[in-house]
Amino acid sequence: MSGKKKRKTIPPLPEDLDLHRVFGEEPEVPSPPPDFIQALTSIPEEKLPELAEILGEKKHKPEKKHSLRERLKSYPPPRETLDLHGLTGPEAALKTESFLKNSRFQQLLTVRIITGKGLHSPGGAVLPDVVEERLKKLKDQGQILTFHWDHHQKKQSGSVIVYLP
């Protein structure tokens, strides 16, 4: 023997067992509902405002839609980063779109794209403008929810945070 005790289980009650009879109670039989029209017409007029208030309270209240700002508070920090340093404008635009498409496929909600500030470019920063234009296009198409620059200013930031739907 293995030393385990056999447990006794409580047997299930038969399905046809009338518990009202076992416990000596009479089953409550609901009375048939009165005619609906008759019930409505028999309500005293002074009770109608009270009834209307009660019925109004029970109406289904639609869920409050959250603003975009409230919605973004629940988003996680960026999970992936794309660094565009050293790319040309067209390369950066193409790579940005591809990265975001792949991020949506992976069901990521927040990503970061590093454009750089253009401090070492002879003509100044090119990539921030190119990336911003591409992000605006993708936002209009519904492929991204929104985006914002780190430090909330493109000139002071070298990266942009993108929120995906």
N, C-alpha and C. Protein backbone atom coordinates (compact mmCIF):
# COMPACT_ATOMS: atom_id res chain seq x y z
N MET A 1 0.83 -1.19 0.00
CA MET A 1 0.00 0.00 0.00
C MET A 1 0.87 1.25 0.00
N SER A 2 0.40 2.28 -0.60
CA SER A 2 1.19 3.49 -0.76
C SER A 2 1.09 4.42 0.43
N GLY A 3 0.21 4.19 1.35
CA GLY A 3 0.09 5.05 2.51
C GLY A 3 -0.91 6.17 2.32
N LYS A 4 -1.45 6.32 1.14
CA LYS A 4 -2.46 7.34 0.89
C LYS A 4 -3.81 6.84 1.37
N LYS A 5 -4.56 7.74 2.01
CA LYS A 5 -5.89 7.38 2.46
C LYS A 5 -6.87 7.64 1.33
N LYS A 6 -7.85 6.78 1.23
CA LYS A 6 -8.91 7.02 0.26
C LYS A 6 -9.86 8.04 0.85
N ARG A 7 -10.17 9.03 0.08
CA ARG A 7 -11.09 10.06 0.55
C ARG A 7 -12.50 9.67 0.14
N LYS A 8 -13.39 9.85 1.09
CA LYS A 8 -14.79 9.60 0.78
C LYS A 8 -15.38 10.90 0.25
N THR A 9 -16.06 10.80 -0.85
CA THR A 9 -16.68 11.98 -1.43
C THR A 9 -18.16 11.99 -1.12
N ILE A 10 -18.72 13.17 -1.13
CA ILE A 10 -20.16 13.30 -0.92
C ILE A 10 -20.84 12.93 -2.23
N PRO A 11 -21.81 12.04 -2.16
CA PRO A 11 -22.47 11.65 -3.41
C PRO A 11 -23.34 12.79 -3.93
N PRO A 12 -23.41 12.93 -5.24
CA PRO A 12 -24.26 14.00 -5.80
C PRO A 12 -25.73 13.68 -5.58
N LEU A 13 -26.52 14.74 -5.48
CA LEU A 13 -27.97 14.57 -5.32
C LEU A 13 -28.57 14.16 -6.65
N PRO A 14 -29.59 13.33 -6.60
CA PRO A 14 -30.26 12.96 -7.85
C PRO A 14 -30.93 14.18 -8.47
N GLU A 15 -30.95 14.22 -9.78
CA GLU A 15 -31.52 15.37 -10.48
C GLU A 15 -33.02 15.51 -10.24
N ASP A 16 -33.71 14.40 -10.04
CA ASP A 16 -35.16 14.47 -9.89
C ASP A 16 -35.59 14.70 -8.44
N LEU A 17 -34.68 14.95 -7.53
CA LEU A 17 -35.00 15.16 -6.12
C LEU A 17 -35.65 16.53 -5.94
N ASP A 18 -36.82 16.58 -5.31
CA ASP A 18 -37.53 17.83 -5.05
C ASP A 18 -37.10 18.35 -3.69
N LEU A 19 -36.25 19.35 -3.66
CA LEU A 19 -35.72 19.88 -2.41
C LEU A 19 -36.80 20.57 -1.58
N HIS A 20 -37.82 21.11 -2.23
CA HIS A 20 -38.91 21.74 -1.48
C HIS A 20 -39.62 20.69 -0.62
N ARG A 21 -39.82 19.52 -1.16
CA ARG A 21 -40.49 18.45 -0.41
C ARG A 21 -39.58 17.95 0.71
N VAL A 22 -38.27 17.84 0.44
CA VAL A 22 -37.33 17.35 1.45
C VAL A 22 -37.29 18.29 2.65
N PHE A 23 -37.26 19.60 2.40
CA PHE A 23 -37.15 20.57 3.48
C PHE A 23 -38.51 21.07 3.97
N GLY A 24 -39.60 20.55 3.43
CA GLY A 24 -40.93 20.89 3.92
C GLY A 24 -41.40 22.28 3.57
N GLU A 25 -40.95 22.82 2.48
CA GLU A 25 -41.39 24.14 2.06
C GLU A 25 -42.24 24.02 0.81
N GLU A 26 -43.13 24.97 0.68
CA GLU A 26 -43.93 25.04 -0.53
C GLU A 26 -43.16 25.88 -1.55
N PRO A 27 -43.06 25.40 -2.77
CA PRO A 27 -42.37 26.21 -3.78
C PRO A 27 -43.17 27.47 -4.11
N GLU A 28 -42.43 28.56 -4.30
CA GLU A 28 -43.09 29.80 -4.68
C GLU A 28 -43.35 29.77 -6.17
N VAL A 29 -44.59 29.94 -6.49
CA VAL A 29 -44.98 29.98 -7.89
C VAL A 29 -45.27 31.44 -8.22
N PRO A 30 -44.52 32.01 -9.14
CA PRO A 30 -44.78 33.42 -9.45
C PRO A 30 -46.15 33.58 -10.10
N SER A 31 -46.81 34.66 -9.67
CA SER A 31 -48.12 34.92 -10.28
C SER A 31 -47.89 35.49 -11.67
N PRO A 32 -48.81 35.22 -12.55
CA PRO A 32 -48.63 35.73 -13.92
C PRO A 32 -48.62 37.26 -13.91
N PRO A 33 -47.77 37.86 -14.75
CA PRO A 33 -47.70 39.33 -14.78
C PRO A 33 -49.00 39.92 -15.31
N PRO A 34 -49.41 41.07 -14.77
CA PRO A 34 -50.63 41.71 -15.28
C PRO A 34 -50.39 42.23 -16.69
N ASP A 35 -51.45 42.48 -17.36
CA ASP A 35 -51.37 43.03 -18.71
C ASP A 35 -50.55 44.32 -18.66
N PHE A 36 -49.57 44.46 -19.52
CA PHE A 36 -48.64 45.58 -19.48
C PHE A 36 -49.36 46.92 -19.67
N ILE A 37 -50.23 47.01 -20.63
CA ILE A 37 -50.96 48.26 -20.89
C ILE A 37 -51.80 48.62 -19.68
N GLN A 38 -52.47 47.62 -19.11
CA GLN A 38 -53.31 47.86 -17.94
C GLN A 38 -52.45 48.35 -16.78
N ALA A 39 -51.27 47.77 -16.62
CA ALA A 39 -50.39 48.18 -15.54
C ALA A 39 -49.93 49.63 -15.72
N LEU A 40 -49.61 50.01 -16.95
CA LEU A 40 -49.17 51.38 -17.20
C LEU A 40 -50.28 52.39 -16.96
N THR A 41 -51.48 52.06 -17.39
CA THR A 41 -52.58 53.01 -17.24
C THR A 41 -53.06 53.12 -15.80
N SER A 42 -52.73 52.15 -14.98
CA SER A 42 -53.19 52.20 -13.59
C SER A 42 -52.21 52.95 -12.67
N ILE A 43 -51.09 53.43 -13.20
CA ILE A 43 -50.13 54.18 -12.38
C ILE A 43 -50.71 55.57 -12.11
N PRO A 44 -50.76 55.96 -10.83
CA PRO A 44 -51.26 57.30 -10.51
C PRO A 44 -50.37 58.37 -11.13
N GLU A 45 -50.99 59.45 -11.57
CA GLU A 45 -50.26 60.50 -12.29
C GLU A 45 -49.16 61.13 -11.44
N GLU A 46 -49.36 61.23 -10.13
CA GLU A 46 -48.34 61.85 -9.27
C GLU A 46 -47.10 60.97 -9.14
N LYS A 47 -47.21 59.69 -9.48
CA LYS A 47 -46.06 58.77 -9.41
C LYS A 47 -45.23 58.76 -10.69
N LEU A 48 -45.76 59.33 -11.77
CA LEU A 48 -45.06 59.27 -13.06
C LEU A 48 -43.68 59.94 -13.04
N PRO A 49 -43.52 61.16 -12.45
CA PRO A 49 -42.17 61.74 -12.42
C PRO A 49 -41.17 60.87 -11.65
N GLU A 50 -41.63 60.29 -10.54
CA GLU A 50 -40.76 59.42 -9.75
C GLU A 50 -40.36 58.19 -10.55
N LEU A 51 -41.33 57.61 -11.26
CA LEU A 51 -41.08 56.44 -12.08
C LEU A 51 -40.11 56.77 -13.22
N ALA A 52 -40.30 57.94 -13.83
CA ALA A 52 -39.42 58.35 -14.92
C ALA A 52 -37.98 58.52 -14.42
N GLU A 53 -37.84 59.05 -13.20
CA GLU A 53 -36.51 59.22 -12.62
C GLU A 53 -35.86 57.86 -12.36
N ILE A 54 -36.63 56.93 -11.83
CA ILE A 54 -36.10 55.59 -11.56
C ILE A 54 -35.68 54.92 -12.86
N LEU A 55 -36.52 55.01 -13.87
CA LEU A 55 -36.18 54.39 -15.15
C LEU A 55 -34.97 55.06 -15.79
N GLY A 56 -34.86 56.37 -15.63
CA GLY A 56 -33.72 57.09 -16.18
C GLY A 56 -32.42 56.67 -15.53
N GLU A 57 -32.46 56.36 -14.23
CA GLU A 57 -31.25 55.92 -13.53
C GLU A 57 -30.78 54.58 -14.02
N LYS A 58 -31.68 53.76 -14.48
CA LYS A 58 -31.32 52.40 -14.86
C LYS A 58 -30.86 52.29 -16.31
N LYS A 59 -31.00 53.37 -17.05
CA LYS A 59 -30.55 53.32 -18.44
C LYS A 59 -29.06 53.05 -18.48
N HIS A 60 -28.65 52.33 -19.50
CA HIS A 60 -27.23 52.03 -19.68
C HIS A 60 -26.50 53.33 -20.00
N LYS A 61 -25.51 53.62 -19.20
CA LYS A 61 -24.71 54.82 -19.44
C LYS A 61 -23.49 54.43 -20.27
N PRO A 62 -23.28 55.09 -21.39
CA PRO A 62 -22.13 54.72 -22.23
C PRO A 62 -20.82 55.01 -21.51
N GLU A 63 -19.82 54.19 -21.83
CA GLU A 63 -18.51 54.38 -21.23
C GLU A 63 -17.92 55.70 -21.71
N LYS A 64 -17.27 56.37 -20.78
CA LYS A 64 -16.65 57.64 -21.12
C LYS A 64 -15.45 57.36 -22.02
N LYS A 65 -15.39 58.07 -23.14
CA LYS A 65 -14.24 57.91 -24.02
C LYS A 65 -13.08 58.71 -23.44
N HIS A 66 -11.93 58.07 -23.41
CA HIS A 66 -10.75 58.72 -22.85
C HIS A 66 -10.10 59.59 -23.92
N SER A 67 -9.58 60.71 -23.47
CA SER A 67 -8.87 61.59 -24.40
C SER A 67 -7.56 60.90 -24.80
N LEU A 68 -6.97 61.40 -25.86
CA LEU A 68 -5.71 60.83 -26.34
C LEU A 68 -4.64 60.92 -25.26
N ARG A 69 -4.60 62.03 -24.56
CA ARG A 69 -3.60 62.22 -23.50
C ARG A 69 -3.78 61.17 -22.40
N GLU A 70 -5.04 60.93 -21.98
CA GLU A 70 -5.30 59.92 -20.95
C GLU A 70 -4.93 58.53 -21.45
N ARG A 71 -5.23 58.28 -22.72
CA ARG A 71 -4.93 56.98 -23.32
C ARG A 71 -3.42 56.72 -23.35
N LEU A 72 -2.65 57.75 -23.68
CA LEU A 72 -1.20 57.59 -23.80
C LEU A 72 -0.54 57.35 -22.44
N LYS A 73 -1.19 57.78 -21.35
CA LYS A 73 -0.63 57.55 -20.02
C LYS A 73 -0.51 56.06 -19.72
N SER A 74 -1.37 55.26 -20.34
CA SER A 74 -1.34 53.82 -20.08
C SER A 74 -0.36 53.09 -21.01
N TYR A 75 0.23 53.81 -21.96
CA TYR A 75 1.17 53.18 -22.88
C TYR A 75 2.51 52.93 -22.18
N PRO A 76 3.19 51.84 -22.53
CA PRO A 76 4.49 51.55 -21.92
C PRO A 76 5.58 52.45 -22.51
N PRO A 77 6.75 52.49 -21.89
CA PRO A 77 7.86 53.23 -22.50
C PRO A 77 8.28 52.54 -23.79
N PRO A 78 9.07 53.21 -24.62
CA PRO A 78 9.48 52.61 -25.90
C PRO A 78 10.15 51.25 -25.70
N ARG A 79 9.75 50.28 -26.53
CA ARG A 79 10.29 48.92 -26.44
C ARG A 79 11.40 48.67 -27.46
N GLU A 80 11.35 49.38 -28.56
CA GLU A 80 12.36 49.23 -29.62
C GLU A 80 12.82 50.61 -30.06
N THR A 81 14.03 50.66 -30.61
CA THR A 81 14.60 51.93 -31.06
C THR A 81 15.19 51.75 -32.45
N LEU A 82 14.96 52.75 -33.30
CA LEU A 82 15.56 52.79 -34.63
C LEU A 82 16.50 53.98 -34.67
N ASP A 83 17.76 53.75 -35.01
CA ASP A 83 18.75 54.82 -35.09
C ASP A 83 19.01 55.12 -36.56
N LEU A 84 18.72 56.35 -36.96
CA LEU A 84 18.84 56.74 -38.37
C LEU A 84 20.12 57.53 -38.66
N HIS A 85 21.02 57.64 -37.70
CA HIS A 85 22.27 58.38 -37.92
C HIS A 85 22.98 57.89 -39.18
N GLY A 86 23.43 58.82 -39.99
CA GLY A 86 24.24 58.49 -41.16
C GLY A 86 23.44 58.17 -42.41
N LEU A 87 22.10 58.14 -42.32
CA LEU A 87 21.29 57.83 -43.50
C LEU A 87 20.92 59.10 -44.24
N THR A 88 20.62 58.94 -45.52
CA THR A 88 20.10 60.06 -46.30
C THR A 88 18.61 60.22 -46.00
N GLY A 89 18.03 61.31 -46.45
CA GLY A 89 16.61 61.55 -46.22
C GLY A 89 15.71 60.44 -46.75
N PRO A 90 15.86 60.06 -48.04
CA PRO A 90 15.01 59.00 -48.58
C PRO A 90 15.21 57.65 -47.87
N GLU A 91 16.48 57.35 -47.53
CA GLU A 91 16.74 56.10 -46.80
C GLU A 91 16.05 56.11 -45.44
N ALA A 92 16.13 57.26 -44.76
CA ALA A 92 15.52 57.38 -43.43
C ALA A 92 14.00 57.24 -43.51
N ALA A 93 13.39 57.84 -44.52
CA ALA A 93 11.93 57.75 -44.67
C ALA A 93 11.50 56.31 -44.89
N LEU A 94 12.21 55.62 -45.76
CA LEU A 94 11.89 54.22 -46.07
C LEU A 94 12.10 53.33 -44.85
N LYS A 95 13.22 53.53 -44.17
CA LYS A 95 13.54 52.71 -43.00
C LYS A 95 12.54 52.98 -41.86
N THR A 96 12.11 54.23 -41.71
CA THR A 96 11.13 54.58 -40.68
C THR A 96 9.82 53.85 -40.92
N GLU A 97 9.34 53.91 -42.15
CA GLU A 97 8.07 53.25 -42.47
C GLU A 97 8.16 51.74 -42.27
N SER A 98 9.25 51.16 -42.69
CA SER A 98 9.46 49.71 -42.53
C SER A 98 9.52 49.33 -41.05
N PHE A 99 10.25 50.13 -40.26
CA PHE A 99 10.38 49.87 -38.83
C PHE A 99 9.02 49.93 -38.14
N LEU A 100 8.22 50.92 -38.48
CA LEU A 100 6.91 51.06 -37.84
C LEU A 100 5.96 49.94 -38.25
N LYS A 101 6.03 49.53 -39.49
CA LYS A 101 5.20 48.41 -39.95
C LYS A 101 5.58 47.13 -39.20
N ASN A 102 6.87 46.89 -39.06
CA ASN A 102 7.35 45.73 -38.33
C ASN A 102 6.96 45.81 -36.84
N SER A 103 7.03 47.00 -36.27
CA SER A 103 6.67 47.19 -34.86
C SER A 103 5.19 46.91 -34.63
N ARG A 104 4.35 47.34 -35.57
CA ARG A 104 2.91 47.05 -35.45
C ARG A 104 2.67 45.55 -35.57
N PHE A 105 3.41 44.89 -36.46
CA PHE A 105 3.27 43.44 -36.62
C PHE A 105 3.64 42.72 -35.32
N GLN A 106 4.64 43.25 -34.62
CA GLN A 106 5.07 42.67 -33.34
C GLN A 106 4.17 43.11 -32.18
N GLN A 107 3.16 43.90 -32.48
CA GLN A 107 2.19 44.41 -31.51
C GLN A 107 2.84 45.29 -30.44
N LEU A 108 3.86 46.02 -30.83
CA LEU A 108 4.47 47.00 -29.93
C LEU A 108 3.57 48.22 -29.89
N LEU A 109 3.56 48.91 -28.76
CA LEU A 109 2.72 50.10 -28.63
C LEU A 109 3.52 51.40 -28.70
N THR A 110 4.77 51.35 -28.25
CA THR A 110 5.58 52.57 -28.20
C THR A 110 6.99 52.26 -28.70
N VAL A 111 7.49 53.10 -29.60
CA VAL A 111 8.85 52.94 -30.13
C VAL A 111 9.53 54.31 -30.19
N ARG A 112 10.86 54.29 -30.30
CA ARG A 112 11.63 55.52 -30.41
C ARG A 112 12.40 55.50 -31.72
N ILE A 113 12.43 56.65 -32.37
CA ILE A 113 13.22 56.80 -33.60
C ILE A 113 14.24 57.91 -33.35
N ILE A 114 15.52 57.57 -33.47
CA ILE A 114 16.59 58.54 -33.25
C ILE A 114 16.97 59.14 -34.61
N THR A 115 16.76 60.45 -34.71
CA THR A 115 17.10 61.15 -35.95
C THR A 115 18.42 61.88 -35.83
N GLY A 116 18.82 62.20 -34.62
CA GLY A 116 19.99 63.04 -34.40
C GLY A 116 19.59 64.50 -34.51
N LYS A 117 20.45 65.37 -34.03
CA LYS A 117 20.17 66.81 -34.06
C LYS A 117 20.79 67.49 -35.28
N GLY A 118 21.59 66.76 -36.02
CA GLY A 118 22.22 67.35 -37.20
C GLY A 118 23.39 68.25 -36.86
N LEU A 119 24.00 68.06 -35.71
CA LEU A 119 25.11 68.92 -35.28
C LEU A 119 26.34 68.77 -36.17
N HIS A 120 26.51 67.59 -36.77
CA HIS A 120 27.70 67.34 -37.59
C HIS A 120 27.40 67.39 -39.08
N SER A 121 26.18 67.78 -39.44
CA SER A 121 25.82 67.90 -40.86
C SER A 121 26.16 69.30 -41.33
N PRO A 122 26.78 69.41 -42.51
CA PRO A 122 27.17 70.74 -43.01
C PRO A 122 25.97 71.66 -43.26
N GLY A 123 24.87 71.12 -43.71
CA GLY A 123 23.70 71.96 -44.00
C GLY A 123 22.68 71.97 -42.87
N GLY A 124 23.00 71.39 -41.74
CA GLY A 124 22.05 71.32 -40.63
C GLY A 124 21.26 70.02 -40.68
N ALA A 125 20.36 69.88 -39.76
CA ALA A 125 19.58 68.64 -39.62
C ALA A 125 18.61 68.47 -40.78
N VAL A 126 18.63 67.30 -41.39
CA VAL A 126 17.71 66.97 -42.48
C VAL A 126 16.71 65.92 -42.01
N LEU A 127 17.21 64.94 -41.27
CA LEU A 127 16.38 63.79 -40.89
C LEU A 127 15.17 64.13 -40.03
N PRO A 128 15.25 65.06 -39.06
CA PRO A 128 14.06 65.35 -38.27
C PRO A 128 12.87 65.79 -39.13
N ASP A 129 13.12 66.63 -40.13
CA ASP A 129 12.03 67.09 -40.99
C ASP A 129 11.48 65.95 -41.85
N VAL A 130 12.38 65.13 -42.39
CA VAL A 130 11.97 64.01 -43.24
C VAL A 130 11.13 63.03 -42.43
N VAL A 131 11.60 62.69 -41.23
CA VAL A 131 10.89 61.72 -40.39
C VAL A 131 9.55 62.29 -39.94
N GLU A 132 9.54 63.56 -39.58
CA GLU A 132 8.28 64.18 -39.14
C GLU A 132 7.23 64.16 -40.25
N GLU A 133 7.65 64.47 -41.46
CA GLU A 133 6.71 64.44 -42.59
C GLU A 133 6.16 63.03 -42.81
N ARG A 134 7.04 62.04 -42.71
CA ARG A 134 6.60 60.65 -42.90
C ARG A 134 5.63 60.25 -41.78
N LEU A 135 5.92 60.67 -40.55
CA LEU A 135 5.04 60.34 -39.41
C LEU A 135 3.67 61.00 -39.55
N LYS A 136 3.64 62.23 -40.04
CA LYS A 136 2.35 62.91 -40.27
C LYS A 136 1.53 62.14 -41.29
N LYS A 137 2.18 61.69 -42.35
CA LYS A 137 1.49 60.92 -43.39
C LYS A 137 0.94 59.62 -42.81
N LEU A 138 1.75 58.92 -42.02
CA LEU A 138 1.32 57.65 -41.42
C LEU A 138 0.19 57.87 -40.41
N LYS A 139 0.24 58.99 -39.71
CA LYS A 139 -0.83 59.30 -38.75
C LYS A 139 -2.14 59.55 -39.49
N ASP A 140 -2.07 60.29 -40.58
CA ASP A 140 -3.27 60.54 -41.40
C ASP A 140 -3.86 59.25 -41.95
N GLN A 141 -3.01 58.28 -42.23
CA GLN A 141 -3.46 56.98 -42.75
C GLN A 141 -3.92 56.04 -41.64
N GLY A 142 -3.74 56.45 -40.37
CA GLY A 142 -4.16 55.61 -39.25
C GLY A 142 -3.17 54.51 -38.89
N GLN A 143 -1.96 54.58 -39.44
CA GLN A 143 -0.97 53.55 -39.15
C GLN A 143 -0.23 53.80 -37.84
N ILE A 144 -0.25 55.05 -37.37
CA ILE A 144 0.27 55.35 -36.04
C ILE A 144 -0.80 56.17 -35.32
N LEU A 145 -0.76 56.13 -34.00
CA LEU A 145 -1.73 56.88 -33.21
C LEU A 145 -1.32 58.34 -33.14
N THR A 146 -0.10 58.58 -32.69
CA THR A 146 0.45 59.93 -32.64
C THR A 146 1.95 59.83 -32.38
N PHE A 147 2.62 60.98 -32.30
CA PHE A 147 4.05 61.00 -32.00
C PHE A 147 4.38 62.32 -31.33
N HIS A 148 5.47 62.34 -30.60
CA HIS A 148 5.97 63.61 -30.05
C HIS A 148 7.48 63.53 -29.91
N TRP A 149 8.10 64.68 -30.03
CA TRP A 149 9.55 64.76 -29.92
C TRP A 149 9.94 64.72 -28.45
N ASP A 150 11.06 64.04 -28.16
CA ASP A 150 11.61 64.10 -26.80
C ASP A 150 11.85 65.57 -26.48
N HIS A 151 11.67 65.95 -25.27
CA HIS A 151 11.81 67.34 -24.82
C HIS A 151 10.78 68.24 -25.51
N HIS A 152 9.83 67.64 -26.21
CA HIS A 152 8.68 68.31 -26.83
C HIS A 152 9.04 69.40 -27.82
N GLN A 153 10.29 69.46 -28.27
CA GLN A 153 10.68 70.40 -29.32
C GLN A 153 11.64 69.70 -30.26
N LYS A 154 11.33 69.79 -31.53
CA LYS A 154 12.15 69.10 -32.53
C LYS A 154 13.58 69.62 -32.54
N LYS A 155 13.77 70.92 -32.37
CA LYS A 155 15.12 71.51 -32.44
C LYS A 155 16.01 71.07 -31.28
N GLN A 156 15.39 70.80 -30.11
CA GLN A 156 16.18 70.42 -28.94
C GLN A 156 16.31 68.91 -28.79
N SER A 157 15.63 68.18 -29.64
CA SER A 157 15.59 66.73 -29.48
C SER A 157 16.25 66.03 -30.65
N GLY A 158 16.78 64.87 -30.36
CA GLY A 158 17.35 64.06 -31.43
C GLY A 158 16.56 62.79 -31.63
N SER A 159 15.39 62.70 -30.96
CA SER A 159 14.58 61.48 -31.14
C SER A 159 13.10 61.80 -30.98
N VAL A 160 12.31 60.92 -31.55
CA VAL A 160 10.86 61.08 -31.52
C VAL A 160 10.25 59.78 -30.98
N ILE A 161 9.22 59.93 -30.14
CA ILE A 161 8.50 58.79 -29.59
C ILE A 161 7.24 58.60 -30.44
N VAL A 162 7.02 57.37 -30.88
CA VAL A 162 5.87 57.07 -31.73
C VAL A 162 4.96 56.09 -30.99
N TYR A 163 3.66 56.42 -30.97
CA TYR A 163 2.65 55.58 -30.33
C TYR A 163 1.84 54.88 -31.41
N LEU A 164 1.79 53.57 -31.31
CA LEU A 164 1.10 52.76 -32.32
C LEU A 164 -0.29 52.36 -31.82
N PRO A 165 -1.25 52.21 -32.74
CA PRO A 165 -2.62 51.84 -32.31
C PRO A 165 -2.70 50.39 -31.87
